[in-house]
Amino acid sequence: MKEKRKLILCPRESPLSPIHLENMSKLSKLGVIIAPLMPAFYTKPETIDDLIEHTINRLMDLLGVPEEHAKRWME
C-alpha cells in the first residue's frame, strides 16, 4: 500500500466476524481490492477445474494481466 501497488485481498473464511468486516472496510478505504473467493455458478461450470480457472481469471483481470484463453461471461 505504501508503494501504491495494487493489493488484492481474497478472504476465504466464513462467516466473517465483525472484526473481519471492520478491517476489510478500513483496507478498502485505503484502496485495497476485496475479492472474496466465491464460486461463479452462473458460468455453468462442468468441473471443479472450471470453477478454479474462472476464479483465477477474475483475479488476473483485477491485476491487469491479459489472458487470451479466458472464457468471458456470455461467450
PDB file of N, CA and C in Angstrom:
ATOM      1  N   MET A   1       0.820  -1.183   0.000  1.00  0.00           N
ATOM      2  CA  MET A   1       0.000   0.000   0.000  1.00  0.00           C
ATOM      3  C   MET A   1       0.864   1.248   0.000  1.00  0.00           C
ATOM      4  N   LYS A   2       1.942   1.203   0.751  1.00  0.00           N
ATOM      5  CA  LYS A   2       2.778   2.402   0.819  1.00  0.00           C
ATOM      6  C   LYS A   2       3.495   2.657  -0.497  1.00  0.00           C
ATOM      7  N   GLU A   3       3.680   1.607  -1.323  1.00  0.00           N
ATOM      8  CA  GLU A   3       4.345   1.774  -2.611  1.00  0.00           C
ATOM      9  C   GLU A   3       3.347   1.992  -3.741  1.00  0.00           C
ATOM     10  N   LYS A   4       2.073   2.151  -3.394  1.00  0.00           N
ATOM     11  CA  LYS A   4       0.995   2.412  -4.359  1.00  0.00           C
ATOM     12  C   LYS A   4       0.823   1.280  -5.365  1.00  0.00           C
ATOM     13  N   ARG A   5       1.172   0.065  -4.958  1.00  0.00           N
ATOM     14  CA  ARG A   5       0.943  -1.082  -5.825  1.00  0.00           C
ATOM     15  C   ARG A   5      -0.460  -1.615  -5.582  1.00  0.00           C
ATOM     16  N   LYS A   6      -0.984  -2.304  -6.566  1.00  0.00           N
ATOM     17  CA  LYS A   6      -2.306  -2.881  -6.429  1.00  0.00           C
ATOM     18  C   LYS A   6      -2.243  -4.036  -5.433  1.00  0.00           C
ATOM     19  N   LEU A   7      -3.167  -4.031  -4.484  1.00  0.00           N
ATOM     20  CA  LEU A   7      -3.238  -5.084  -3.478  1.00  0.00           C
ATOM     21  C   LEU A   7      -4.639  -5.672  -3.502  1.00  0.00           C
ATOM     22  N   ILE A   8      -4.711  -6.981  -3.625  1.00  0.00           N
ATOM     23  CA  ILE A   8      -5.991  -7.681  -3.654  1.00  0.00           C
ATOM     24  C   ILE A   8      -6.044  -8.619  -2.465  1.00  0.00           C
ATOM     25  N   LEU A   9      -7.097  -8.493  -1.675  1.00  0.00           N
ATOM     26  CA  LEU A   9      -7.323  -9.368  -0.527  1.00  0.00           C
ATOM     27  C   LEU A   9      -8.435 -10.338  -0.902  1.00  0.00           C
ATOM     28  N   CYS A  10      -8.155 -11.635  -0.781  1.00  0.00           N
ATOM     29  CA  CYS A  10      -9.122 -12.671  -1.136  1.00  0.00           C
ATOM     30  C   CYS A  10      -9.493 -13.483   0.097  1.00  0.00           C
ATOM     31  N   PRO A  11     -10.454 -12.980   0.884  1.00  0.00           N
ATOM     32  CA  PRO A  11     -10.843 -13.735   2.076  1.00  0.00           C
ATOM     33  C   PRO A  11     -11.557 -15.024   1.687  1.00  0.00           C
ATOM     34  N   ARG A  12     -11.302 -16.075   2.446  1.00  0.00           N
ATOM     35  CA  ARG A  12     -11.935 -17.356   2.158  1.00  0.00           C
ATOM     36  C   ARG A  12     -12.721 -17.884   3.341  1.00  0.00           C
ATOM     37  N   GLU A  13     -12.471 -17.332   4.512  1.00  0.00           N
ATOM     38  CA  GLU A  13     -13.161 -17.796   5.711  1.00  0.00           C
ATOM     39  C   GLU A  13     -14.586 -17.267   5.748  1.00  0.00           C
ATOM     40  N   SER A  14     -15.461 -18.082   6.256  1.00  0.00           N
ATOM     41  CA  SER A  14     -16.815 -17.608   6.504  1.00  0.00           C
ATOM     42  C   SER A  14     -17.382 -18.398   7.669  1.00  0.00           C
ATOM     43  N   PRO A  15     -18.237 -17.848   8.426  1.00  0.00           N
ATOM     44  CA  PRO A  15     -18.732 -16.488   8.280  1.00  0.00           C
ATOM     45  C   PRO A  15     -17.687 -15.472   8.721  1.00  0.00           C
ATOM     46  N   LEU A  16     -17.815 -14.285   8.182  1.00  0.00           N
ATOM     47  CA  LEU A  16     -16.911 -13.201   8.552  1.00  0.00           C
ATOM     48  C   LEU A  16     -17.406 -12.563   9.845  1.00  0.00           C
ATOM     49  N   SER A  17     -16.486 -12.346  10.744  1.00  0.00           N
ATOM     50  CA  SER A  17     -16.839 -11.723  12.023  1.00  0.00           C
ATOM     51  C   SER A  17     -16.889 -10.204  11.851  1.00  0.00           C
ATOM     52  N   PRO A  18     -17.485  -9.508  12.807  1.00  0.00           N
ATOM     53  CA  PRO A  18     -17.477  -8.038  12.743  1.00  0.00           C
ATOM     54  C   PRO A  18     -16.058  -7.470  12.668  1.00  0.00           C
ATOM     55  N   ILE A  19     -15.105  -8.133  13.300  1.00  0.00           N
ATOM     56  CA  ILE A  19     -13.708  -7.670  13.243  1.00  0.00           C
ATOM     57  C   ILE A  19     -13.173  -7.799  11.822  1.00  0.00           C
ATOM     58  N   HIS A  20     -13.451  -8.939  11.158  1.00  0.00           N
ATOM     59  CA  HIS A  20     -13.026  -9.113   9.764  1.00  0.00           C
ATOM     60  C   HIS A  20     -13.616  -8.009   8.894  1.00  0.00           C
ATOM     61  N   LEU A  21     -14.912  -7.789   9.037  1.00  0.00           N
ATOM     62  CA  LEU A  21     -15.599  -6.799   8.207  1.00  0.00           C
ATOM     63  C   LEU A  21     -15.065  -5.389   8.448  1.00  0.00           C
ATOM     64  N   GLU A  22     -14.812  -5.067   9.686  1.00  0.00           N
ATOM     65  CA  GLU A  22     -14.275  -3.739  10.009  1.00  0.00           C
ATOM     66  C   GLU A  22     -12.884  -3.556   9.399  1.00  0.00           C
ATOM     67  N   ASN A  23     -12.048  -4.579   9.532  1.00  0.00           N
ATOM     68  CA  ASN A  23     -10.694  -4.486   8.974  1.00  0.00           C
ATOM     69  C   ASN A  23     -10.721  -4.413   7.451  1.00  0.00           C
ATOM     70  N   MET A  24     -11.606  -5.192   6.810  1.00  0.00           N
ATOM     71  CA  MET A  24     -11.711  -5.132   5.352  1.00  0.00           C
ATOM     72  C   MET A  24     -12.243  -3.773   4.904  1.00  0.00           C
ATOM     73  N   SER A  25     -13.144  -3.185   5.673  1.00  0.00           N
ATOM     74  CA  SER A  25     -13.649  -1.851   5.352  1.00  0.00           C
ATOM     75  C   SER A  25     -12.517  -0.826   5.403  1.00  0.00           C
ATOM     76  N   LYS A  26     -11.691  -0.911   6.424  1.00  0.00           N
ATOM     77  CA  LYS A  26     -10.548   0.006   6.541  1.00  0.00           C
ATOM     78  C   LYS A  26      -9.594  -0.171   5.364  1.00  0.00           C
ATOM     79  N   LEU A  27      -9.321  -1.426   5.002  1.00  0.00           N
ATOM     80  CA  LEU A  27      -8.425  -1.688   3.875  1.00  0.00           C
ATOM     81  C   LEU A  27      -9.017  -1.163   2.572  1.00  0.00           C
ATOM     82  N   SER A  28     -10.304  -1.371   2.381  1.00  0.00           N
ATOM     83  CA  SER A  28     -10.962  -0.894   1.170  1.00  0.00           C
ATOM     84  C   SER A  28     -10.844   0.623   1.043  1.00  0.00           C
ATOM     85  N   LYS A  29     -10.985   1.320   2.143  1.00  0.00           N
ATOM     86  CA  LYS A  29     -10.856   2.780   2.131  1.00  0.00           C
ATOM     87  C   LYS A  29      -9.440   3.224   1.791  1.00  0.00           C
ATOM     88  N   LEU A  30      -8.468   2.330   1.993  1.00  0.00           N
ATOM     89  CA  LEU A  30      -7.074   2.620   1.642  1.00  0.00           C
ATOM     90  C   LEU A  30      -6.749   2.220   0.201  1.00  0.00           C
ATOM     91  N   GLY A  31      -7.743   1.683  -0.516  1.00  0.00           N
ATOM     92  CA  GLY A  31      -7.539   1.327  -1.914  1.00  0.00           C
ATOM     93  C   GLY A  31      -7.323  -0.144  -2.182  1.00  0.00           C
ATOM     94  N   VAL A  32      -7.410  -0.972  -1.157  1.00  0.00           N
ATOM     95  CA  VAL A  32      -7.250  -2.415  -1.339  1.00  0.00           C
ATOM     96  C   VAL A  32      -8.506  -2.961  -2.011  1.00  0.00           C
ATOM     97  N   ILE A  33      -8.330  -3.853  -2.972  1.00  0.00           N
ATOM     98  CA  ILE A  33      -9.458  -4.508  -3.626  1.00  0.00           C
ATOM     99  C   ILE A  33      -9.818  -5.744  -2.814  1.00  0.00           C
ATOM    100  N   ILE A  34     -11.077  -5.844  -2.396  1.00  0.00           N
ATOM    101  CA  ILE A  34     -11.553  -7.002  -1.652  1.00  0.00           C
ATOM    102  C   ILE A  34     -12.278  -7.897  -2.653  1.00  0.00           C
ATOM    103  N   ALA A  35     -11.741  -9.083  -2.906  1.00  0.00           N
ATOM    104  CA  ALA A  35     -12.316 -10.013  -3.880  1.00  0.00           C
ATOM    105  C   ALA A  35     -12.477 -11.385  -3.231  1.00  0.00           C
ATOM    106  N   PRO A  36     -13.611 -11.607  -2.559  1.00  0.00           N
ATOM    107  CA  PRO A  36     -13.822 -12.901  -1.901  1.00  0.00           C
ATOM    108  C   PRO A  36     -13.764 -14.052  -2.900  1.00  0.00           C
ATOM    109  N   LEU A  37     -13.213 -15.156  -2.465  1.00  0.00           N
ATOM    110  CA  LEU A  37     -13.111 -16.337  -3.316  1.00  0.00           C
ATOM    111  C   LEU A  37     -14.442 -17.088  -3.279  1.00  0.00           C
ATOM    112  N   MET A  38     -15.322 -16.729  -4.208  1.00  0.00           N
ATOM    113  CA  MET A  38     -16.639 -17.357  -4.296  1.00  0.00           C
ATOM    114  C   MET A  38     -16.780 -18.022  -5.650  1.00  0.00           C
ATOM    115  N   PRO A  39     -17.310 -19.231  -5.663  1.00  0.00           N
ATOM    116  CA  PRO A  39     -17.502 -19.898  -6.951  1.00  0.00           C
ATOM    117  C   PRO A  39     -18.551 -19.168  -7.791  1.00  0.00           C
ATOM    118  N   ALA A  40     -18.310 -19.103  -9.081  1.00  0.00           N
ATOM    119  CA  ALA A  40     -19.226 -18.423 -10.002  1.00  0.00           C
ATOM    120  C   ALA A  40     -20.061 -19.476 -10.726  1.00  0.00           C
ATOM    121  N   PHE A  41     -21.172 -19.845 -10.129  1.00  0.00           N
ATOM    122  CA  PHE A  41     -22.011 -20.889 -10.717  1.00  0.00           C
ATOM    123  C   PHE A  41     -22.796 -20.395 -11.921  1.00  0.00           C
ATOM    124  N   TYR A  42     -22.874 -19.073 -12.117  1.00  0.00           N
ATOM    125  CA  TYR A  42     -23.592 -18.539 -13.277  1.00  0.00           C
ATOM    126  C   TYR A  42     -22.885 -18.882 -14.580  1.00  0.00           C
ATOM    127  N   THR A  43     -21.630 -19.310 -14.502  1.00  0.00           N
ATOM    128  CA  THR A  43     -20.897 -19.701 -15.710  1.00  0.00           C
ATOM    129  C   THR A  43     -21.165 -21.147 -16.093  1.00  0.00           C
ATOM    130  N   LYS A  44     -21.976 -21.830 -15.285  1.00  0.00           N
ATOM    131  CA  LYS A  44     -22.325 -23.238 -15.511  1.00  0.00           C
ATOM    132  C   LYS A  44     -21.077 -24.119 -15.642  1.00  0.00           C
ATOM    133  N   PRO A  45     -20.238 -24.126 -14.617  1.00  0.00           N
ATOM    134  CA  PRO A  45     -19.019 -24.944 -14.674  1.00  0.00           C
ATOM    135  C   PRO A  45     -19.365 -26.432 -14.718  1.00  0.00           C
ATOM    136  N   GLU A  46     -18.557 -27.167 -15.451  1.00  0.00           N
ATOM    137  CA  GLU A  46     -18.765 -28.615 -15.541  1.00  0.00           C
ATOM    138  C   GLU A  46     -17.852 -29.367 -14.585  1.00  0.00           C
ATOM    139  N   THR A  47     -16.751 -28.742 -14.187  1.00  0.00           N
ATOM    140  CA  THR A  47     -15.800 -29.399 -13.290  1.00  0.00           C
ATOM    141  C   THR A  47     -15.319 -28.402 -12.234  1.00  0.00           C
ATOM    142  N   ILE A  48     -14.669 -28.944 -11.219  1.00  0.00           N
ATOM    143  CA  ILE A  48     -14.044 -28.091 -10.205  1.00  0.00           C
ATOM    144  C   ILE A  48     -12.970 -27.226 -10.861  1.00  0.00           C
ATOM    145  N   ASP A  49     -12.263 -27.794 -11.819  1.00  0.00           N
ATOM    146  CA  ASP A  49     -11.229 -27.026 -12.524  1.00  0.00           C
ATOM    147  C   ASP A  49     -11.818 -25.803 -13.227  1.00  0.00           C
ATOM    148  N   ASP A  50     -13.043 -25.925 -13.754  1.00  0.00           N
ATOM    149  CA  ASP A  50     -13.697 -24.770 -14.379  1.00  0.00           C
ATOM    150  C   ASP A  50     -13.920 -23.657 -13.359  1.00  0.00           C
ATOM    151  N   LEU A  51     -14.338 -24.030 -12.140  1.00  0.00           N
ATOM    152  CA  LEU A  51     -14.544 -23.044 -11.075  1.00  0.00           C
ATOM    153  C   LEU A  51     -13.235 -22.360 -10.706  1.00  0.00           C
ATOM    154  N   ILE A  52     -12.190 -23.161 -10.566  1.00  0.00           N
ATOM    155  CA  ILE A  52     -10.875 -22.623 -10.201  1.00  0.00           C
ATOM    156  C   ILE A  52     -10.356 -21.701 -11.300  1.00  0.00           C
ATOM    157  N   GLU A  53     -10.482 -22.143 -12.548  1.00  0.00           N
ATOM    158  CA  GLU A  53      -9.987 -21.343 -13.672  1.00  0.00           C
ATOM    159  C   GLU A  53     -10.705 -19.998 -13.745  1.00  0.00           C
ATOM    160  N   HIS A  54     -12.007 -20.003 -13.530  1.00  0.00           N
ATOM    161  CA  HIS A  54     -12.753 -18.746 -13.575  1.00  0.00           C
ATOM    162  C   HIS A  54     -12.292 -17.796 -12.470  1.00  0.00           C
ATOM    163  N   THR A  55     -12.079 -18.333 -11.274  1.00  0.00           N
ATOM    164  CA  THR A  55     -11.616 -17.506 -10.153  1.00  0.00           C
ATOM    165  C   THR A  55     -10.247 -16.907 -10.453  1.00  0.00           C
ATOM    166  N   ILE A  56      -9.353 -17.727 -10.969  1.00  0.00           N
ATOM    167  CA  ILE A  56      -8.007 -17.247 -11.319  1.00  0.00           C
ATOM    168  C   ILE A  56      -8.092 -16.174 -12.403  1.00  0.00           C
ATOM    169  N   ASN A  57      -8.942 -16.396 -13.401  1.00  0.00           N
ATOM    170  CA  ASN A  57      -9.081 -15.407 -14.478  1.00  0.00           C
ATOM    171  C   ASN A  57      -9.624 -14.081 -13.965  1.00  0.00           C
ATOM    172  N   ARG A  58     -10.555 -14.127 -13.014  1.00  0.00           N
ATOM    173  CA  ARG A  58     -11.070 -12.879 -12.428  1.00  0.00           C
ATOM    174  C   ARG A  58      -9.953 -12.133 -11.708  1.00  0.00           C
ATOM    175  N   LEU A  59      -9.122 -12.866 -10.974  1.00  0.00           N
ATOM    176  CA  LEU A  59      -8.006 -12.226 -10.268  1.00  0.00           C
ATOM    177  C   LEU A  59      -6.985 -11.659 -11.255  1.00  0.00           C
ATOM    178  N   MET A  60      -6.727 -12.396 -12.329  1.00  0.00           N
ATOM    179  CA  MET A  60      -5.795 -11.904 -13.354  1.00  0.00           C
ATOM    180  C   MET A  60      -6.330 -10.609 -13.975  1.00  0.00           C
ATOM    181  N   ASP A  61      -7.652 -10.553 -14.217  1.00  0.00           N
ATOM    182  CA  ASP A  61      -8.260  -9.326 -14.739  1.00  0.00           C
ATOM    183  C   ASP A  61      -8.042  -8.160 -13.782  1.00  0.00           C
ATOM    184  N   LEU A  62      -8.239  -8.412 -12.488  1.00  0.00           N
ATOM    185  CA  LEU A  62      -8.054  -7.352 -11.493  1.00  0.00           C
ATOM    186  C   LEU A  62      -6.614  -6.856 -11.461  1.00  0.00           C
ATOM    187  N   LEU A  63      -5.677  -7.749 -11.744  1.00  0.00           N
ATOM    188  CA  LEU A  63      -4.262  -7.377 -11.755  1.00  0.00           C
ATOM    189  C   LEU A  63      -3.833  -6.760 -13.085  1.00  0.00           C
ATOM    190  N   GLY A  64      -4.716  -6.824 -14.080  1.00  0.00           N
ATOM    191  CA  GLY A  64      -4.384  -6.266 -15.383  1.00  0.00           C
ATOM    192  C   GLY A  64      -3.516  -7.173 -16.224  1.00  0.00           C
ATOM    193  N   VAL A  65      -3.517  -8.460 -15.900  1.00  0.00           N
ATOM    194  CA  VAL A  65      -2.734  -9.434 -16.654  1.00  0.00           C
ATOM    195  C   VAL A  65      -3.634 -10.029 -17.734  1.00  0.00           C
ATOM    196  N   PRO A  66      -3.295  -9.826 -19.009  1.00  0.00           N
ATOM    197  CA  PRO A  66      -4.152 -10.340 -20.077  1.00  0.00           C
ATOM    198  C   PRO A  66      -4.126 -11.870 -20.133  1.00  0.00           C
ATOM    199  N   GLU A  67      -5.280 -12.434 -20.372  1.00  0.00           N
ATOM    200  CA  GLU A  67      -5.401 -13.890 -20.512  1.00  0.00           C
ATOM    201  C   GLU A  67      -6.229 -14.150 -21.763  1.00  0.00           C
ATOM    202  N   GLU A  68      -5.555 -14.612 -22.812  1.00  0.00           N
ATOM    203  CA  GLU A  68      -6.206 -14.798 -24.109  1.00  0.00           C
ATOM    204  C   GLU A  68      -7.265 -15.887 -24.091  1.00  0.00           C
ATOM    205  N   HIS A  69      -7.041 -16.919 -23.313  1.00  0.00           N
ATOM    206  CA  HIS A  69      -7.912 -18.088 -23.371  1.00  0.00           C
ATOM    207  C   HIS A  69      -9.020 -18.068 -22.325  1.00  0.00           C
ATOM    208  N   ALA A  70      -9.140 -16.981 -21.606  1.00  0.00           N
ATOM    209  CA  ALA A  70     -10.156 -16.899 -20.554  1.00  0.00           C
ATOM    210  C   ALA A  70     -11.543 -16.789 -21.176  1.00  0.00           C
ATOM    211  N   LYS A  71     -12.462 -17.592 -20.661  1.00  0.00           N
ATOM    212  CA  LYS A  71     -13.847 -17.506 -21.108  1.00  0.00           C
ATOM    213  C   LYS A  71     -14.506 -16.343 -20.377  1.00  0.00           C
ATOM    214  N   ARG A  72     -15.096 -15.461 -21.133  1.00  0.00           N
ATOM    215  CA  ARG A  72     -15.798 -14.322 -20.560  1.00  0.00           C
ATOM    216  C   ARG A  72     -17.269 -14.671 -20.403  1.00  0.00           C
ATOM    217  N   TRP A  73     -17.918 -13.940 -19.504  1.00  0.00           N
ATOM    218  CA  TRP A  73     -19.340 -14.144 -19.278  1.00  0.00           C
ATOM    219  C   TRP A  73     -20.096 -13.938 -20.590  1.00  0.00           C
ATOM    220  N   MET A  74     -20.992 -14.848 -20.882  1.00  0.00           N
ATOM    221  CA  MET A  74     -21.853 -14.836 -22.067  1.00  0.00           C
ATOM    222  C   MET A  74     -21.088 -15.092 -23.359  1.00  0.00           C
ATOM    223  N   GLU A  75     -19.922 -15.697 -23.282  1.00  0.00           N
ATOM    224  CA  GLU A  75     -19.199 -16.045 -24.522  1.00  0.00           C
ATOM    225  C   GLU A  75     -19.528 -17.457 -24.918  1.00  0.00           C
TER     226      GLU A  75
END
